[in-house]
N, C-alpha and C. Protein backbone atom coordinates (compact mmCIF):
# COMPACT_ATOMS: atom_id res chain seq x y z
N MET A 1 54.06 16.53 27.29
CA MET A 1 53.03 16.61 28.13
C MET A 1 53.43 16.61 29.56
N GLU A 2 52.52 17.63 30.44
CA GLU A 2 53.45 17.22 31.48
C GLU A 2 52.86 16.20 32.58
N SER A 3 53.70 15.64 33.43
CA SER A 3 53.66 14.80 33.94
C SER A 3 52.49 14.79 35.10
N ASP A 4 51.74 15.62 35.78
CA ASP A 4 51.44 16.29 36.88
C ASP A 4 49.80 15.99 35.96
N SER A 5 49.39 16.14 34.72
CA SER A 5 48.16 16.47 34.01
C SER A 5 47.24 15.58 33.87
N GLN A 6 45.99 15.26 34.48
CA GLN A 6 45.29 14.60 34.24
C GLN A 6 44.51 13.62 32.76
N PRO A 7 43.86 13.43 32.92
CA PRO A 7 43.70 12.59 32.17
C PRO A 7 42.07 12.81 31.54
N PRO A 8 41.15 13.16 30.82
CA PRO A 8 40.02 13.77 30.89
C PRO A 8 39.03 12.88 31.38
N SER A 9 38.18 13.22 32.07
CA SER A 9 37.25 12.64 32.46
C SER A 9 36.10 11.83 32.17
N ALA A 10 35.20 11.14 32.36
CA ALA A 10 34.25 10.88 31.40
C ALA A 10 33.29 11.95 30.75
N SER A 11 33.09 12.48 31.64
CA SER A 11 31.98 13.55 31.15
C SER A 11 31.78 14.16 30.40
N SER A 12 33.96 14.65 30.23
CA SER A 12 34.32 15.54 29.15
C SER A 12 34.42 14.87 28.04
N HIS A 13 34.72 13.14 28.10
CA HIS A 13 34.42 12.74 27.07
C HIS A 13 32.90 12.65 26.34
N SER A 14 31.96 12.60 26.79
CA SER A 14 30.79 12.48 26.42
C SER A 14 30.66 13.84 25.69
N SER A 15 30.92 14.62 26.74
CA SER A 15 30.31 16.35 26.13
C SER A 15 31.40 16.27 24.79
N ASP A 16 32.02 15.87 24.62
CA ASP A 16 33.24 15.85 23.11
C ASP A 16 32.92 15.63 21.87
N TRP A 17 31.56 14.37 22.20
CA TRP A 17 31.38 13.19 21.89
C TRP A 17 30.21 14.46 20.91
N PHE A 18 29.25 14.44 21.98
CA PHE A 18 28.39 15.54 21.94
C PHE A 18 28.31 17.36 21.41
N ALA A 19 29.99 17.59 21.22
CA ALA A 19 30.21 19.08 20.29
C ALA A 19 30.30 18.30 18.98
N ASN A 20 31.01 17.23 18.71
CA ASN A 20 31.25 16.22 17.60
C ASN A 20 30.28 16.54 16.92
N PHE A 21 29.02 15.75 17.45
CA PHE A 21 28.27 14.94 17.00
C PHE A 21 27.21 16.40 16.11
N VAL A 22 27.39 17.10 17.05
CA VAL A 22 26.19 19.01 16.91
C VAL A 22 27.12 19.77 16.28
N GLY A 23 28.36 19.59 16.35
CA GLY A 23 29.42 20.29 15.01
C GLY A 23 29.44 19.50 13.08
N THR A 24 28.87 18.04 13.47
CA THR A 24 29.18 17.45 12.05
C THR A 24 27.76 17.95 11.65
N VAL A 25 26.36 18.11 12.49
CA VAL A 25 25.07 17.82 11.83
C VAL A 25 24.53 19.42 11.26
N ILE A 26 25.78 20.17 12.03
CA ILE A 26 25.85 21.44 11.45
C ILE A 26 26.05 21.63 10.15
N ALA A 27 27.20 20.93 9.77
CA ALA A 27 28.08 20.99 8.67
C ALA A 27 27.23 20.44 7.72
N LEU A 28 26.86 19.62 7.83
CA LEU A 28 26.45 18.61 6.73
C LEU A 28 24.47 19.79 6.86
N ILE A 29 23.97 19.91 7.41
CA ILE A 29 23.06 21.32 7.10
C ILE A 29 23.80 22.78 6.54
N THR A 30 24.64 23.04 6.40
CA THR A 30 25.23 24.10 5.75
C THR A 30 25.35 23.81 4.03
N LEU A 31 26.14 21.88 4.33
CA LEU A 31 26.12 22.13 2.89
C LEU A 31 25.02 21.64 2.17
N ALA A 32 24.08 20.51 3.04
CA ALA A 32 22.65 19.90 1.80
C ALA A 32 21.64 21.84 1.76
N LEU A 33 21.94 22.49 2.59
CA LEU A 33 20.51 23.40 2.54
C LEU A 33 20.51 24.00 1.05
N PRO A 34 21.98 24.75 0.93
CA PRO A 34 21.75 25.21 -0.29
C PRO A 34 21.41 24.55 -1.32
N LEU A 35 21.94 22.95 -1.58
CA LEU A 35 21.85 22.62 -2.75
C LEU A 35 19.73 21.85 -2.51
N LEU A 36 19.53 21.81 -1.82
CA LEU A 36 18.08 21.87 -1.78
C LEU A 36 17.54 23.36 -1.45
N ALA A 37 17.64 24.29 -1.48
CA ALA A 37 17.11 25.44 -1.86
C ALA A 37 17.14 25.79 -3.78
N ILE A 38 18.26 25.13 -4.21
CA ILE A 38 18.49 25.57 -5.32
C ILE A 38 17.63 24.64 -5.95
N ALA A 39 17.42 23.48 -5.98
CA ALA A 39 16.62 22.04 -6.27
C ALA A 39 15.39 22.81 -5.89
N HIS A 40 14.93 23.37 -5.26
CA HIS A 40 13.55 23.65 -5.02
C HIS A 40 12.59 24.87 -5.56
N TYR A 41 14.04 25.72 -5.85
CA TYR A 41 13.71 27.03 -7.07
C TYR A 41 13.80 26.70 -8.04
N SER A 42 14.77 25.98 -8.55
CA SER A 42 14.94 26.20 -10.16
C SER A 42 13.44 25.22 -10.69
N PRO A 43 13.61 26.02 -12.03
CA PRO A 43 12.46 24.84 -13.33
C PRO A 43 12.44 23.39 -13.24
N SER A 44 11.67 22.61 -12.95
CA SER A 44 12.09 21.50 -12.95
C SER A 44 12.66 20.66 -14.80
N GLN A 45 11.99 21.73 -15.69
CA GLN A 45 12.89 21.26 -16.91
C GLN A 45 13.48 22.29 -17.56
N GLY A 46 14.50 21.92 -18.31
CA GLY A 46 14.99 23.38 -18.56
C GLY A 46 14.07 24.34 -19.65
N THR A 47 14.70 25.20 -19.74
CA THR A 47 13.54 26.69 -19.82
C THR A 47 14.43 26.99 -21.38
N THR A 48 13.65 27.27 -22.55
CA THR A 48 14.42 27.49 -23.59
C THR A 48 14.45 29.35 -23.60
N TRP A 49 14.88 30.20 -24.46
CA TRP A 49 14.76 31.06 -25.22
C TRP A 49 13.84 31.97 -25.49
N GLN A 50 13.73 32.08 -25.14
CA GLN A 50 12.42 32.98 -26.50
C GLN A 50 12.22 34.20 -26.71
N SER A 51 12.50 35.05 -27.77
CA SER A 51 12.37 35.90 -28.22
C SER A 51 11.05 37.33 -27.49
N PRO A 52 12.70 38.18 -27.34
CA PRO A 52 11.08 39.25 -26.51
C PRO A 52 10.34 39.66 -27.95
N PRO A 53 8.92 40.54 -26.59
CA PRO A 53 7.95 40.27 -27.45
C PRO A 53 7.98 41.82 -28.45
N TYR A 54 9.26 42.36 -28.05
CA TYR A 54 9.13 43.46 -28.73
C TYR A 54 10.63 43.79 -29.77
N PRO A 55 10.31 44.29 -30.59
CA PRO A 55 11.56 44.01 -32.15
C PRO A 55 13.45 44.36 -31.68
N MET A 56 14.37 43.75 -31.88
CA MET A 56 15.43 44.15 -31.39
C MET A 56 16.01 44.76 -32.85
N GLN A 57 16.42 45.50 -32.34
CA GLN A 57 17.37 46.46 -33.52
C GLN A 57 18.84 46.04 -33.75
N ASN A 58 19.25 45.98 -34.91
CA ASN A 58 20.20 45.38 -34.76
C ASN A 58 21.09 46.29 -34.80
N ILE A 59 22.13 46.25 -34.11
CA ILE A 59 23.29 47.07 -33.33
C ILE A 59 24.41 47.37 -34.68
N THR A 60 24.90 46.55 -35.37
CA THR A 60 26.17 47.00 -36.37
C THR A 60 25.82 47.46 -37.56
N ASN A 61 24.43 47.98 -38.00
CA ASN A 61 23.77 48.09 -38.67
C ASN A 61 22.74 49.68 -38.81
N ASN A 62 23.07 50.42 -38.05
CA ASN A 62 22.29 51.51 -38.26
C ASN A 62 21.92 52.11 -38.81
N GLN A 63 20.66 52.28 -40.01
CA GLN A 63 20.65 52.91 -40.95
C GLN A 63 19.44 53.81 -40.81
N PRO A 64 19.47 54.88 -40.75
CA PRO A 64 18.18 56.06 -40.35
C PRO A 64 16.99 55.80 -41.80
């Protein structure tokens, strides 16, 4: 560190605090928003597999 450098001023310290706060808020939103979207759009109860309305053909035994 240079000997002629001056310590940061009080206004610089407050802007650093504000920048850290804004960065933290953005990080929390970035982490929480996908989880909230998944929770909102996913079904509330597990869905069960239903058979399709058309008959499935057996692939291994295709006999005419």
